[in-house]
């Protein structure tokens, strides 16, 4: 329907969704589009603390995809290296390598 808003297009509204997974995906999309960067970075950092391992891993991966632009997330990612889930720890280590090689662990966790 012409003129109707798309429910799948990434907007700032996705950052406030009830689902942490949707918030992380929206944040990653918005940052890639160059929109709402600070708010989206905050959503991704919050995603690193989610109860679901998939959300924590997704947040780490999105941050890593940003490279040096996500440098403010390095302390939170470093904390994520202690996550109880091995897959999340690996994704956090990979993200750190992409963002700041000096902050990354010398070997995988």
C-alpha atoms as a PDB file:
ATOM      1  CA  UNK A   1       0.000   0.000   0.000  1.00  0.00           C
ATOM      2  CA  UNK A   2       1.541   3.297  -1.092  1.00  0.00           C
ATOM      3  CA  UNK A   3       2.386   5.680   1.706  1.00  0.00           C
ATOM      4  CA  UNK A   4       2.093   3.025   4.433  1.00  0.00           C
ATOM      5  CA  UNK A   5       5.152   2.775   6.670  1.00  0.00           C
ATOM      6  CA  UNK A   6       7.201  -0.372   6.263  1.00  0.00           C
ATOM      7  CA  UNK A   7       7.316  -2.480   9.395  1.00  0.00           C
ATOM      8  CA  UNK A   8      10.636  -4.048   8.403  1.00  0.00           C
ATOM      9  CA  UNK A   9      12.597  -0.898   7.566  1.00  0.00           C
ATOM     10  CA  UNK A  10      15.181  -0.046  10.214  1.00  0.00           C
ATOM     11  CA  UNK A  11      14.203   3.076  12.124  1.00  0.00           C
ATOM     12  CA  UNK A  12      14.987   4.561  15.477  1.00  0.00           C
ATOM     13  CA  UNK A  13      11.779   2.891  16.717  1.00  0.00           C
ATOM     14  CA  UNK A  14      13.486  -0.508  16.432  1.00  0.00           C
ATOM     15  CA  UNK A  15      15.890   0.586  19.158  1.00  0.00           C
ATOM     16  CA  UNK A  16      12.980   0.630  21.602  1.00  0.00           C
ATOM     17  CA  UNK A  17      11.445  -2.728  20.667  1.00  0.00           C
ATOM     18  CA  UNK A  18      10.599  -5.165  23.496  1.00  0.00           C
ATOM     19  CA  UNK A  19      12.822  -7.839  21.933  1.00  0.00           C
ATOM     20  CA  UNK A  20      16.541  -7.437  22.637  1.00  0.00           C
ATOM     21  CA  UNK A  21      17.306  -9.334  19.438  1.00  0.00           C
ATOM     22  CA  UNK A  22      15.300  -6.845  17.364  1.00  0.00           C
ATOM     23  CA  UNK A  23      16.933  -3.913  19.204  1.00  0.00           C
ATOM     24  CA  UNK A  24      20.415  -5.268  18.401  1.00  0.00           C
ATOM     25  CA  UNK A  25      19.556  -5.924  14.761  1.00  0.00           C
ATOM     26  CA  UNK A  26      18.011  -2.454  14.411  1.00  0.00           C
ATOM     27  CA  UNK A  27      21.058  -0.884  16.046  1.00  0.00           C
ATOM     28  CA  UNK A  28      23.424  -2.657  13.676  1.00  0.00           C
ATOM     29  CA  UNK A  29      21.357  -1.603  10.653  1.00  0.00           C
ATOM     30  CA  UNK A  30      21.085   2.002  11.806  1.00  0.00           C
ATOM     31  CA  UNK A  31      24.795   2.309  12.434  1.00  0.00           C
ATOM     32  CA  UNK A  32      25.574   0.839   9.013  1.00  0.00           C
ATOM     33  CA  UNK A  33      23.192   3.426   7.536  1.00  0.00           C
ATOM     34  CA  UNK A  34      24.949   6.174   9.497  1.00  0.00           C
ATOM     35  CA  UNK A  35      21.926   7.023  11.660  1.00  0.00           C
ATOM     36  CA  UNK A  36      21.431   7.268  15.439  1.00  0.00           C
ATOM     37  CA  UNK A  37      25.023   6.156  16.050  1.00  0.00           C
ATOM     38  CA  UNK A  38      25.371   6.976  19.745  1.00  0.00           C
ATOM     39  CA  UNK A  39      21.960   5.583  20.659  1.00  0.00           C
ATOM     40  CA  UNK A  40      22.556   2.464  18.571  1.00  0.00           C
ATOM     41  CA  UNK A  41      25.993   1.893  20.116  1.00  0.00           C
ATOM     42  CA  UNK A  42      24.401   2.084  23.567  1.00  0.00           C
ATOM     43  CA  UNK A  43      21.793  -0.509  22.531  1.00  0.00           C
ATOM     44  CA  UNK A  44      24.521  -2.870  21.314  1.00  0.00           C
ATOM     45  CA  UNK A  45      26.550  -2.461  24.502  1.00  0.00           C
ATOM     46  CA  UNK A  46      23.386  -3.212  26.493  1.00  0.00           C
ATOM     47  CA  UNK A  47      22.880  -6.277  24.275  1.00  0.00           C
ATOM     48  CA  UNK A  48      26.182  -7.660  25.549  1.00  0.00           C
ATOM     49  CA  UNK A  49      24.464  -8.090  28.945  1.00  0.00           C
ATOM     50  CA  UNK A  50      21.283  -9.765  27.686  1.00  0.00           C
ATOM     51  CA  UNK A  51      20.186 -13.079  29.205  1.00  0.00           C
ATOM     52  CA  UNK A  52      20.135 -14.796  25.784  1.00  0.00           C
ATOM     53  CA  UNK A  53      23.526 -15.904  24.468  1.00  0.00           C
ATOM     54  CA  UNK A  54      22.419 -15.338  20.863  1.00  0.00           C
ATOM     55  CA  UNK A  55      21.634 -11.686  21.609  1.00  0.00           C
ATOM     56  CA  UNK A  56      24.978 -11.193  23.396  1.00  0.00           C
ATOM     57  CA  UNK A  57      26.833 -12.780  20.490  1.00  0.00           C
ATOM     58  CA  UNK A  58      24.895 -10.794  17.906  1.00  0.00           C
ATOM     59  CA  UNK A  59      25.627  -7.542  19.736  1.00  0.00           C
ATOM     60  CA  UNK A  60      29.347  -8.384  19.822  1.00  0.00           C
ATOM     61  CA  UNK A  61      29.333  -9.229  16.117  1.00  0.00           C
ATOM     62  CA  UNK A  62      27.558  -5.986  15.176  1.00  0.00           C
ATOM     63  CA  UNK A  63      30.085  -4.005  17.225  1.00  0.00           C
ATOM     64  CA  UNK A  64      32.954  -5.793  15.512  1.00  0.00           C
ATOM     65  CA  UNK A  65      31.480  -5.018  12.097  1.00  0.00           C
ATOM     66  CA  UNK A  66      31.780  -1.331  12.952  1.00  0.00           C
ATOM     67  CA  UNK A  67      35.529  -1.573  13.414  1.00  0.00           C
ATOM     68  CA  UNK A  68      37.248   1.424  15.031  1.00  0.00           C
ATOM     69  CA  UNK A  69      33.966   3.389  15.073  1.00  0.00           C
ATOM     70  CA  UNK A  70      32.927   1.205  18.041  1.00  0.00           C
ATOM     71  CA  UNK A  71      36.020   1.983  20.117  1.00  0.00           C
ATOM     72  CA  UNK A  72      33.875   3.183  23.031  1.00  0.00           C
ATOM     73  CA  UNK A  73      32.553  -0.396  23.330  1.00  0.00           C
ATOM     74  CA  UNK A  74      35.997  -1.904  24.002  1.00  0.00           C
ATOM     75  CA  UNK A  75      35.636  -2.017  27.829  1.00  0.00           C
ATOM     76  CA  UNK A  76      32.244  -3.762  27.583  1.00  0.00           C
ATOM     77  CA  UNK A  77      33.572  -6.217  25.007  1.00  0.00           C
ATOM     78  CA  UNK A  78      36.580  -6.935  27.216  1.00  0.00           C
ATOM     79  CA  UNK A  79      34.158  -7.826  30.034  1.00  0.00           C
ATOM     80  CA  UNK A  80      32.296 -10.090  27.604  1.00  0.00           C
ATOM     81  CA  UNK A  81      35.454 -12.181  27.227  1.00  0.00           C
ATOM     82  CA  UNK A  82      34.405 -13.664  30.610  1.00  0.00           C
ATOM     83  CA  UNK A  83      30.928 -14.658  29.354  1.00  0.00           C
ATOM     84  CA  UNK A  84      29.655 -18.085  30.416  1.00  0.00           C
ATOM     85  CA  UNK A  85      29.005 -19.010  26.751  1.00  0.00           C
ATOM     86  CA  UNK A  86      32.039 -19.973  24.673  1.00  0.00           C
ATOM     87  CA  UNK A  87      30.468 -18.748  21.415  1.00  0.00           C
ATOM     88  CA  UNK A  88      29.842 -15.310  22.912  1.00  0.00           C
ATOM     89  CA  UNK A  89      33.442 -15.145  24.176  1.00  0.00           C
ATOM     90  CA  UNK A  90      34.750 -15.997  20.715  1.00  0.00           C
ATOM     91  CA  UNK A  91      32.549 -13.378  19.025  1.00  0.00           C
ATOM     92  CA  UNK A  92      33.663 -10.770  21.577  1.00  0.00           C
ATOM     93  CA  UNK A  93      37.326 -11.594  20.933  1.00  0.00           C
ATOM     94  CA  UNK A  94      36.778 -11.331  17.177  1.00  0.00           C
ATOM     95  CA  UNK A  95      34.995  -7.999  17.648  1.00  0.00           C
ATOM     96  CA  UNK A  96      37.881  -6.650  19.722  1.00  0.00           C
ATOM     97  CA  UNK A  97      40.331  -7.628  16.968  1.00  0.00           C
ATOM     98  CA  UNK A  98      38.217  -5.712  14.440  1.00  0.00           C
ATOM     99  CA  UNK A  99      37.860  -2.634  16.648  1.00  0.00           C
ATOM    100  CA  UNK A 100      41.270  -2.391  18.291  1.00  0.00           C
ATOM    101  CA  UNK A 101      43.892  -5.084  17.742  1.00  0.00           C
ATOM    102  CA  UNK A 102      45.831  -3.841  20.769  1.00  0.00           C
ATOM    103  CA  UNK A 103      42.844  -4.459  23.064  1.00  0.00           C
ATOM    104  CA  UNK A 104      42.194  -7.938  21.683  1.00  0.00           C
ATOM    105  CA  UNK A 105      43.410 -11.044  23.485  1.00  0.00           C
ATOM    106  CA  UNK A 106      46.504 -12.574  21.941  1.00  0.00           C
ATOM    107  CA  UNK A 107      44.715 -15.908  21.624  1.00  0.00           C
ATOM    108  CA  UNK A 108      41.092 -16.969  21.468  1.00  0.00           C
ATOM    109  CA  UNK A 109      39.417 -17.418  24.884  1.00  0.00           C
END
